Full PDB file with SEQRES, HELIX, SHEET, SSBOND, CRYST1, ORIGX, SCALE, CONECT and MASTER records, all heavy atoms in Angstrom:
SEQRES   1 A   33  PHE ALA SER SER ILE PRO GLY ILE HIS VAL ASN PHE LEU          
SEQRES   2 A   33  ILE VAL LEU VAL ILE ALA ALA ALA LEU THR THR LEU ALA          
SEQRES   3 A   33  GLY ILE ILE ILE GLY LEU PRO                                  
HELIX    1 AA1 PHE A   12  GLY A   31  1                                  20    
CRYST1    1.000    1.000    1.000  90.00  90.00  90.00 P 1           1          
ORIGX1      1.000000  0.000000  0.000000        0.00000                         
ORIGX2      0.000000  1.000000  0.000000        0.00000                         
ORIGX3      0.000000  0.000000  1.000000        0.00000                         
SCALE1      1.000000  0.000000  0.000000        0.00000                         
SCALE2      0.000000  1.000000  0.000000        0.00000                         
SCALE3      0.000000  0.000000  1.000000        0.00000                         
ATOM      1  N   PHE A   1      13.581  27.923  17.584  1.00  0.00           N  
ATOM      2  CA  PHE A   1      12.393  28.022  18.340  1.00  0.00           C  
ATOM      3  C   PHE A   1      12.307  26.888  19.403  1.00  0.00           C  
ATOM      4  O   PHE A   1      11.486  27.001  20.323  1.00  0.00           O  
ATOM      5  CB  PHE A   1      11.161  27.914  17.364  1.00  0.00           C  
ATOM      6  CG  PHE A   1      10.844  26.566  16.815  1.00  0.00           C  
ATOM      7  CD1 PHE A   1       9.828  25.691  17.500  1.00  0.00           C  
ATOM      8  CD2 PHE A   1      11.509  25.993  15.786  1.00  0.00           C  
ATOM      9  CE1 PHE A   1       9.619  24.453  16.929  1.00  0.00           C  
ATOM     10  CE2 PHE A   1      11.213  24.751  15.274  1.00  0.00           C  
ATOM     11  CZ  PHE A   1      10.308  24.016  15.891  1.00  0.00           C  
ATOM     12  N   ALA A   2      12.932  25.669  19.138  1.00  0.00           N  
ATOM     13  CA  ALA A   2      12.764  24.699  20.005  1.00  0.00           C  
ATOM     14  C   ALA A   2      14.041  24.443  20.962  1.00  0.00           C  
ATOM     15  O   ALA A   2      14.074  23.513  21.723  1.00  0.00           O  
ATOM     16  CB  ALA A   2      12.513  23.365  19.347  1.00  0.00           C  
ATOM     17  N   SER A   3      15.035  25.261  20.792  1.00  0.00           N  
ATOM     18  CA  SER A   3      16.322  25.111  21.423  1.00  0.00           C  
ATOM     19  C   SER A   3      16.229  25.286  22.944  1.00  0.00           C  
ATOM     20  O   SER A   3      16.928  24.664  23.677  1.00  0.00           O  
ATOM     21  CB  SER A   3      17.433  25.975  20.848  1.00  0.00           C  
ATOM     22  OG  SER A   3      16.936  27.320  21.097  1.00  0.00           O  
ATOM     23  N   SER A   4      15.233  26.030  23.351  1.00  0.00           N  
ATOM     24  CA  SER A   4      15.153  26.301  24.835  1.00  0.00           C  
ATOM     25  C   SER A   4      14.020  25.488  25.497  1.00  0.00           C  
ATOM     26  O   SER A   4      13.748  25.553  26.651  1.00  0.00           O  
ATOM     27  CB  SER A   4      14.801  27.794  25.070  1.00  0.00           C  
ATOM     28  OG  SER A   4      13.580  28.093  24.461  1.00  0.00           O  
ATOM     29  N   ILE A   5      13.387  24.638  24.684  1.00  0.00           N  
ATOM     30  CA  ILE A   5      12.272  23.734  25.223  1.00  0.00           C  
ATOM     31  C   ILE A   5      12.932  22.358  25.440  1.00  0.00           C  
ATOM     32  O   ILE A   5      13.369  21.772  24.710  1.00  0.00           O  
ATOM     33  CB  ILE A   5      11.140  23.690  24.131  1.00  0.00           C  
ATOM     34  CG1 ILE A   5      10.710  25.082  23.722  1.00  0.00           C  
ATOM     35  CG2 ILE A   5       9.952  22.866  24.658  1.00  0.00           C  
ATOM     36  CD1 ILE A   5       9.585  24.999  22.659  1.00  0.00           C  
ATOM     37  N   PRO A   6      12.648  21.970  26.779  1.00  0.00           N  
ATOM     38  CA  PRO A   6      13.037  20.593  27.059  1.00  0.00           C  
ATOM     39  C   PRO A   6      12.281  19.508  26.327  1.00  0.00           C  
ATOM     40  O   PRO A   6      11.184  19.774  25.881  1.00  0.00           O  
ATOM     41  CB  PRO A   6      12.852  20.409  28.614  1.00  0.00           C  
ATOM     42  CG  PRO A   6      11.766  21.391  28.900  1.00  0.00           C  
ATOM     43  CD  PRO A   6      11.972  22.582  27.957  1.00  0.00           C  
ATOM     44  N   GLY A   7      12.836  18.430  26.135  1.00  0.00           N  
ATOM     45  CA  GLY A   7      12.147  17.168  25.319  1.00  0.00           C  
ATOM     46  C   GLY A   7      13.001  16.797  24.213  1.00  0.00           C  
ATOM     47  O   GLY A   7      14.180  17.146  24.102  1.00  0.00           O  
ATOM     48  N   ILE A   8      12.409  16.070  23.298  1.00  0.00           N  
ATOM     49  CA  ILE A   8      13.006  15.630  22.138  1.00  0.00           C  
ATOM     50  C   ILE A   8      12.510  16.344  20.885  1.00  0.00           C  
ATOM     51  O   ILE A   8      11.369  16.420  20.666  1.00  0.00           O  
ATOM     52  CB  ILE A   8      12.762  14.082  21.923  1.00  0.00           C  
ATOM     53  CG1 ILE A   8      13.191  13.310  23.157  1.00  0.00           C  
ATOM     54  CG2 ILE A   8      13.429  13.536  20.784  1.00  0.00           C  
ATOM     55  CD1 ILE A   8      12.945  11.774  23.046  1.00  0.00           C  
ATOM     56  N   HIS A   9      13.407  16.902  20.274  1.00  0.00           N  
ATOM     57  CA  HIS A   9      13.042  17.830  19.062  1.00  0.00           C  
ATOM     58  C   HIS A   9      13.932  17.346  17.829  1.00  0.00           C  
ATOM     59  O   HIS A   9      15.107  17.695  17.703  1.00  0.00           O  
ATOM     60  CB  HIS A   9      13.246  19.232  19.362  1.00  0.00           C  
ATOM     61  CG  HIS A   9      12.479  19.735  20.653  1.00  0.00           C  
ATOM     62  ND1 HIS A   9      11.126  20.041  20.470  1.00  0.00           N  
ATOM     63  CD2 HIS A   9      12.884  19.945  21.888  1.00  0.00           C  
ATOM     64  CE1 HIS A   9      10.739  20.359  21.688  1.00  0.00           C  
ATOM     65  NE2 HIS A   9      11.693  20.292  22.578  1.00  0.00           N  
ATOM     66  N   VAL A  10      13.277  16.607  16.910  1.00  0.00           N  
ATOM     67  CA  VAL A  10      13.979  16.119  15.742  1.00  0.00           C  
ATOM     68  C   VAL A  10      13.395  16.824  14.566  1.00  0.00           C  
ATOM     69  O   VAL A  10      12.081  17.030  14.592  1.00  0.00           O  
ATOM     70  CB  VAL A  10      13.927  14.604  15.630  1.00  0.00           C  
ATOM     71  CG1 VAL A  10      14.640  14.178  14.372  1.00  0.00           C  
ATOM     72  CG2 VAL A  10      14.564  13.977  16.923  1.00  0.00           C  
ATOM     73  N   ASN A  11      14.080  17.075  13.542  1.00  0.00           N  
ATOM     74  CA  ASN A  11      13.621  17.737  12.347  1.00  0.00           C  
ATOM     75  C   ASN A  11      12.473  17.004  11.757  1.00  0.00           C  
ATOM     76  O   ASN A  11      12.385  15.783  11.766  1.00  0.00           O  
ATOM     77  CB  ASN A  11      14.664  17.886  11.321  1.00  0.00           C  
ATOM     78  CG  ASN A  11      14.356  18.611  10.063  1.00  0.00           C  
ATOM     79  OD1 ASN A  11      13.785  17.900   9.065  1.00  0.00           O  
ATOM     80  ND2 ASN A  11      14.419  19.947  10.074  1.00  0.00           N  
ATOM     81  N   PHE A  12      11.501  17.822  11.265  1.00  0.00           N  
ATOM     82  CA  PHE A  12      10.161  17.185  10.645  1.00  0.00           C  
ATOM     83  C   PHE A  12      10.462  16.103   9.666  1.00  0.00           C  
ATOM     84  O   PHE A  12       9.794  14.999   9.726  1.00  0.00           O  
ATOM     85  CB  PHE A  12       9.332  18.428  10.043  1.00  0.00           C  
ATOM     86  CG  PHE A  12       8.169  17.824   9.323  1.00  0.00           C  
ATOM     87  CD1 PHE A  12       6.968  17.560   9.961  1.00  0.00           C  
ATOM     88  CD2 PHE A  12       8.246  17.857   7.920  1.00  0.00           C  
ATOM     89  CE1 PHE A  12       5.966  17.161   9.285  1.00  0.00           C  
ATOM     90  CE2 PHE A  12       7.132  17.385   7.135  1.00  0.00           C  
ATOM     91  CZ  PHE A  12       5.950  17.077   7.964  1.00  0.00           C  
ATOM     92  N   LEU A  13      11.415  16.344   8.703  1.00  0.00           N  
ATOM     93  CA  LEU A  13      11.508  15.302   7.625  1.00  0.00           C  
ATOM     94  C   LEU A  13      12.161  14.066   8.180  1.00  0.00           C  
ATOM     95  O   LEU A  13      11.821  12.973   7.735  1.00  0.00           O  
ATOM     96  CB  LEU A  13      12.628  16.027   6.595  1.00  0.00           C  
ATOM     97  CG  LEU A  13      12.021  17.038   5.852  1.00  0.00           C  
ATOM     98  CD1 LEU A  13      13.071  17.646   4.725  1.00  0.00           C  
ATOM     99  CD2 LEU A  13      10.782  16.658   5.079  1.00  0.00           C  
ATOM    100  N   ILE A  14      13.004  14.138   9.259  1.00  0.00           N  
ATOM    101  CA  ILE A  14      13.583  12.957   9.804  1.00  0.00           C  
ATOM    102  C   ILE A  14      12.484  12.142  10.549  1.00  0.00           C  
ATOM    103  O   ILE A  14      12.432  10.958  10.384  1.00  0.00           O  
ATOM    104  CB  ILE A  14      14.712  13.360  10.826  1.00  0.00           C  
ATOM    105  CG1 ILE A  14      15.850  13.868  10.021  1.00  0.00           C  
ATOM    106  CG2 ILE A  14      15.187  12.019  11.525  1.00  0.00           C  
ATOM    107  CD1 ILE A  14      16.997  14.450  10.982  1.00  0.00           C  
ATOM    108  N   VAL A  15      11.582  12.817  11.225  1.00  0.00           N  
ATOM    109  CA  VAL A  15      10.550  12.224  11.949  1.00  0.00           C  
ATOM    110  C   VAL A  15       9.559  11.602  10.865  1.00  0.00           C  
ATOM    111  O   VAL A  15       9.041  10.414  11.181  1.00  0.00           O  
ATOM    112  CB  VAL A  15       9.749  13.156  12.859  1.00  0.00           C  
ATOM    113  CG1 VAL A  15       8.620  12.463  13.479  1.00  0.00           C  
ATOM    114  CG2 VAL A  15      10.595  13.710  13.879  1.00  0.00           C  
ATOM    115  N   LEU A  16       9.378  12.271   9.708  1.00  0.00           N  
ATOM    116  CA  LEU A  16       8.431  11.607   8.688  1.00  0.00           C  
ATOM    117  C   LEU A  16       9.005  10.251   8.199  1.00  0.00           C  
ATOM    118  O   LEU A  16       8.240   9.359   8.128  1.00  0.00           O  
ATOM    119  CB  LEU A  16       8.485  12.624   7.557  1.00  0.00           C  
ATOM    120  CG  LEU A  16       7.129  12.723   6.802  1.00  0.00           C  
ATOM    121  CD1 LEU A  16       6.017  13.033   7.535  1.00  0.00           C  
ATOM    122  CD2 LEU A  16       7.268  13.547   5.507  1.00  0.00           C  
ATOM    123  N   VAL A  17      10.373  10.177   8.125  1.00  0.00           N  
ATOM    124  CA  VAL A  17      11.040   8.865   7.730  1.00  0.00           C  
ATOM    125  C   VAL A  17      10.910   7.895   8.815  1.00  0.00           C  
ATOM    126  O   VAL A  17      10.586   6.802   8.576  1.00  0.00           O  
ATOM    127  CB  VAL A  17      12.506   9.136   7.388  1.00  0.00           C  
ATOM    128  CG1 VAL A  17      13.155   7.817   7.058  1.00  0.00           C  
ATOM    129  CG2 VAL A  17      12.593  10.062   6.087  1.00  0.00           C  
ATOM    130  N   ILE A  18      11.034   8.355  10.084  1.00  0.00           N  
ATOM    131  CA  ILE A  18      10.927   7.353  11.267  1.00  0.00           C  
ATOM    132  C   ILE A  18       9.484   6.916  11.383  1.00  0.00           C  
ATOM    133  O   ILE A  18       9.265   5.699  11.509  1.00  0.00           O  
ATOM    134  CB  ILE A  18      11.267   8.063  12.480  1.00  0.00           C  
ATOM    135  CG1 ILE A  18      12.848   8.450  12.466  1.00  0.00           C  
ATOM    136  CG2 ILE A  18      11.041   7.152  13.764  1.00  0.00           C  
ATOM    137  CD1 ILE A  18      13.210   9.307  13.686  1.00  0.00           C  
ATOM    138  N   ALA A  19       8.504   7.739  11.048  1.00  0.00           N  
ATOM    139  CA  ALA A  19       7.198   7.312  11.092  1.00  0.00           C  
ATOM    140  C   ALA A  19       6.858   6.284  10.036  1.00  0.00           C  
ATOM    141  O   ALA A  19       6.226   5.306  10.247  1.00  0.00           O  
ATOM    142  CB  ALA A  19       6.203   8.470  10.863  1.00  0.00           C  
ATOM    143  N   ALA A  20       7.329   6.564   8.810  1.00  0.00           N  
ATOM    144  CA  ALA A  20       7.075   5.637   7.772  1.00  0.00           C  
ATOM    145  C   ALA A  20       7.778   4.340   8.071  1.00  0.00           C  
ATOM    146  O   ALA A  20       7.200   3.158   7.825  1.00  0.00           O  
ATOM    147  CB  ALA A  20       7.731   6.180   6.373  1.00  0.00           C  
ATOM    148  N   ALA A  21       8.999   4.223   8.656  1.00  0.00           N  
ATOM    149  CA  ALA A  21       9.692   2.990   9.008  1.00  0.00           C  
ATOM    150  C   ALA A  21       8.958   2.236  10.094  1.00  0.00           C  
ATOM    151  O   ALA A  21       8.724   1.007  10.088  1.00  0.00           O  
ATOM    152  CB  ALA A  21      11.043   3.294   9.472  1.00  0.00           C  
ATOM    153  N   LEU A  22       8.443   2.930  11.165  1.00  0.00           N  
ATOM    154  CA  LEU A  22       7.678   2.364  12.264  1.00  0.00           C  
ATOM    155  C   LEU A  22       6.357   1.688  11.714  1.00  0.00           C  
ATOM    156  O   LEU A  22       6.009   0.558  12.168  1.00  0.00           O  
ATOM    157  CB  LEU A  22       7.450   3.281  13.331  1.00  0.00           C  
ATOM    158  CG  LEU A  22       8.658   3.618  14.275  1.00  0.00           C  
ATOM    159  CD1 LEU A  22       8.279   4.630  15.270  1.00  0.00           C  
ATOM    160  CD2 LEU A  22       9.400   2.433  14.830  1.00  0.00           C  
ATOM    161  N   THR A  23       5.746   2.472  10.927  1.00  0.00           N  
ATOM    162  CA  THR A  23       4.368   1.879  10.450  1.00  0.00           C  
ATOM    163  C   THR A  23       4.643   0.663   9.528  1.00  0.00           C  
ATOM    164  O   THR A  23       3.818  -0.228   9.501  1.00  0.00           O  
ATOM    165  CB  THR A  23       3.563   2.973   9.732  1.00  0.00           C  
ATOM    166  OG1 THR A  23       4.413   3.719   8.900  1.00  0.00           O  
ATOM    167  CG2 THR A  23       2.966   3.982  10.808  1.00  0.00           C  
ATOM    168  N   THR A  24       5.659   0.841   8.766  1.00  0.00           N  
ATOM    169  CA  THR A  24       5.954  -0.262   7.839  1.00  0.00           C  
ATOM    170  C   THR A  24       6.258  -1.533   8.699  1.00  0.00           C  
ATOM    171  O   THR A  24       5.758  -2.652   8.361  1.00  0.00           O  
ATOM    172  CB  THR A  24       7.168   0.150   6.883  1.00  0.00           C  
ATOM    173  OG1 THR A  24       6.864   1.132   6.077  1.00  0.00           O  
ATOM    174  CG2 THR A  24       7.443  -1.208   6.004  1.00  0.00           C  
ATOM    175  N   LEU A  25       7.009  -1.336   9.774  1.00  0.00           N  
ATOM    176  CA  LEU A  25       7.364  -2.496  10.668  1.00  0.00           C  
ATOM    177  C   LEU A  25       6.052  -3.042  11.311  1.00  0.00           C  
ATOM    178  O   LEU A  25       5.905  -4.298  11.392  1.00  0.00           O  
ATOM    179  CB  LEU A  25       8.309  -2.033  11.696  1.00  0.00           C  
ATOM    180  CG  LEU A  25       8.783  -3.106  12.704  1.00  0.00           C  
ATOM    181  CD1 LEU A  25       9.446  -4.224  12.049  1.00  0.00           C  
ATOM    182  CD2 LEU A  25       9.723  -2.465  13.737  1.00  0.00           C  
ATOM    183  N   ALA A  26       5.239  -2.099  11.760  1.00  0.00           N  
ATOM    184  CA  ALA A  26       3.938  -2.497  12.284  1.00  0.00           C  
ATOM    185  C   ALA A  26       3.155  -3.272  11.328  1.00  0.00           C  
ATOM    186  O   ALA A  26       2.514  -4.328  11.662  1.00  0.00           O  
ATOM    187  CB  ALA A  26       3.182  -1.314  12.835  1.00  0.00           C  
ATOM    188  N   GLY A  27       3.153  -2.822  10.032  1.00  0.00           N  
ATOM    189  CA  GLY A  27       2.321  -3.618   9.005  1.00  0.00           C  
ATOM    190  C   GLY A  27       2.934  -4.942   8.788  1.00  0.00           C  
ATOM    191  O   GLY A  27       2.079  -5.869   8.538  1.00  0.00           O  
ATOM    192  N   ILE A  28       4.147  -5.084   8.694  1.00  0.00           N  
ATOM    193  CA  ILE A  28       4.754  -6.401   8.585  1.00  0.00           C  
ATOM    194  C   ILE A  28       4.475  -7.364   9.713  1.00  0.00           C  
ATOM    195  O   ILE A  28       4.078  -8.560   9.486  1.00  0.00           O  
ATOM    196  CB  ILE A  28       6.359  -6.228   8.416  1.00  0.00           C  
ATOM    197  CG1 ILE A  28       6.703  -5.608   7.136  1.00  0.00           C  
ATOM    198  CG2 ILE A  28       6.912  -7.630   8.385  1.00  0.00           C  
ATOM    199  CD1 ILE A  28       8.025  -5.267   6.888  1.00  0.00           C  
ATOM    200  N   ILE A  29       4.512  -6.844  10.883  1.00  0.00           N  
ATOM    201  CA  ILE A  29       4.211  -7.652  12.052  1.00  0.00           C  
ATOM    202  C   ILE A  29       2.751  -8.190  12.114  1.00  0.00           C  
ATOM    203  O   ILE A  29       2.601  -9.312  12.346  1.00  0.00           O  
ATOM    204  CB  ILE A  29       4.561  -6.802  13.399  1.00  0.00           C  
ATOM    205  CG1 ILE A  29       6.070  -6.670  13.546  1.00  0.00           C  
ATOM    206  CG2 ILE A  29       3.982  -7.620  14.673  1.00  0.00           C  
ATOM    207  CD1 ILE A  29       6.504  -5.666  14.774  1.00  0.00           C  
ATOM    208  N   ILE A  30       1.880  -7.263  11.780  1.00  0.00           N  
ATOM    209  CA  ILE A  30       0.415  -7.678  11.791  1.00  0.00           C  
ATOM    210  C   ILE A  30       0.128  -8.536  10.465  1.00  0.00           C  
ATOM    211  O   ILE A  30      -0.679  -9.374  10.612  1.00  0.00           O  
ATOM    212  CB  ILE A  30      -0.448  -6.452  12.008  1.00  0.00           C  
ATOM    213  CG1 ILE A  30      -1.949  -6.866  12.259  1.00  0.00           C  
ATOM    214  CG2 ILE A  30      -0.342  -5.646  10.743  1.00  0.00           C  
ATOM    215  CD1 ILE A  30      -2.143  -7.699  13.398  1.00  0.00           C  
ATOM    216  N   GLY A  31       0.913  -8.207   9.416  1.00  0.00           N  
ATOM    217  CA  GLY A  31       0.580  -8.818   8.181  1.00  0.00           C  
ATOM    218  C   GLY A  31       1.042 -10.250   8.085  1.00  0.00           C  
ATOM    219  O   GLY A  31       0.374 -11.047   7.336  1.00  0.00           O  
ATOM    220  N   LEU A  32       2.225 -10.549   8.618  1.00  0.00           N  
ATOM    221  CA  LEU A  32       2.725 -11.922   8.548  1.00  0.00           C  
ATOM    222  C   LEU A  32       1.731 -13.004   8.878  1.00  0.00           C  
ATOM    223  O   LEU A  32       1.503 -13.946   8.149  1.00  0.00           O  
ATOM    224  CB  LEU A  32       4.030 -12.058   9.295  1.00  0.00           C  
ATOM    225  CG  LEU A  32       5.348 -11.438   8.611  1.00  0.00           C  
ATOM    226  CD1 LEU A  32       6.500 -11.510   9.649  1.00  0.00           C  
ATOM    227  CD2 LEU A  32       5.690 -12.348   7.402  1.00  0.00           C  
ATOM    228  N   PRO A  33       1.101 -12.992   9.975  1.00  0.00           N  
ATOM    229  CA  PRO A  33       0.079 -13.936  10.260  1.00  0.00           C  
ATOM    230  C   PRO A  33      -1.329 -13.712   9.680  1.00  0.00           C  
ATOM    231  O   PRO A  33      -1.973 -14.600   9.274  1.00  0.00           O  
ATOM    232  CB  PRO A  33      -0.060 -13.962  11.901  1.00  0.00           C  
ATOM    233  CG  PRO A  33       0.279 -12.516  12.207  1.00  0.00           C  
ATOM    234  CD  PRO A  33       1.230 -12.042  11.217  1.00  0.00           C  
TER     235      PRO A  33                                                      
MASTER        0    0    0    1    0    0    0    6  234    1    0    3          
END                                                                             
């Protein structure tokens, strides 16, 4: 369904892991101080 659409299309589960990693990193950055 996304093969003909330009842009970045990564599988939902992979994005879910990326989202968890980015928010964890944001939490650490804001949490340290």
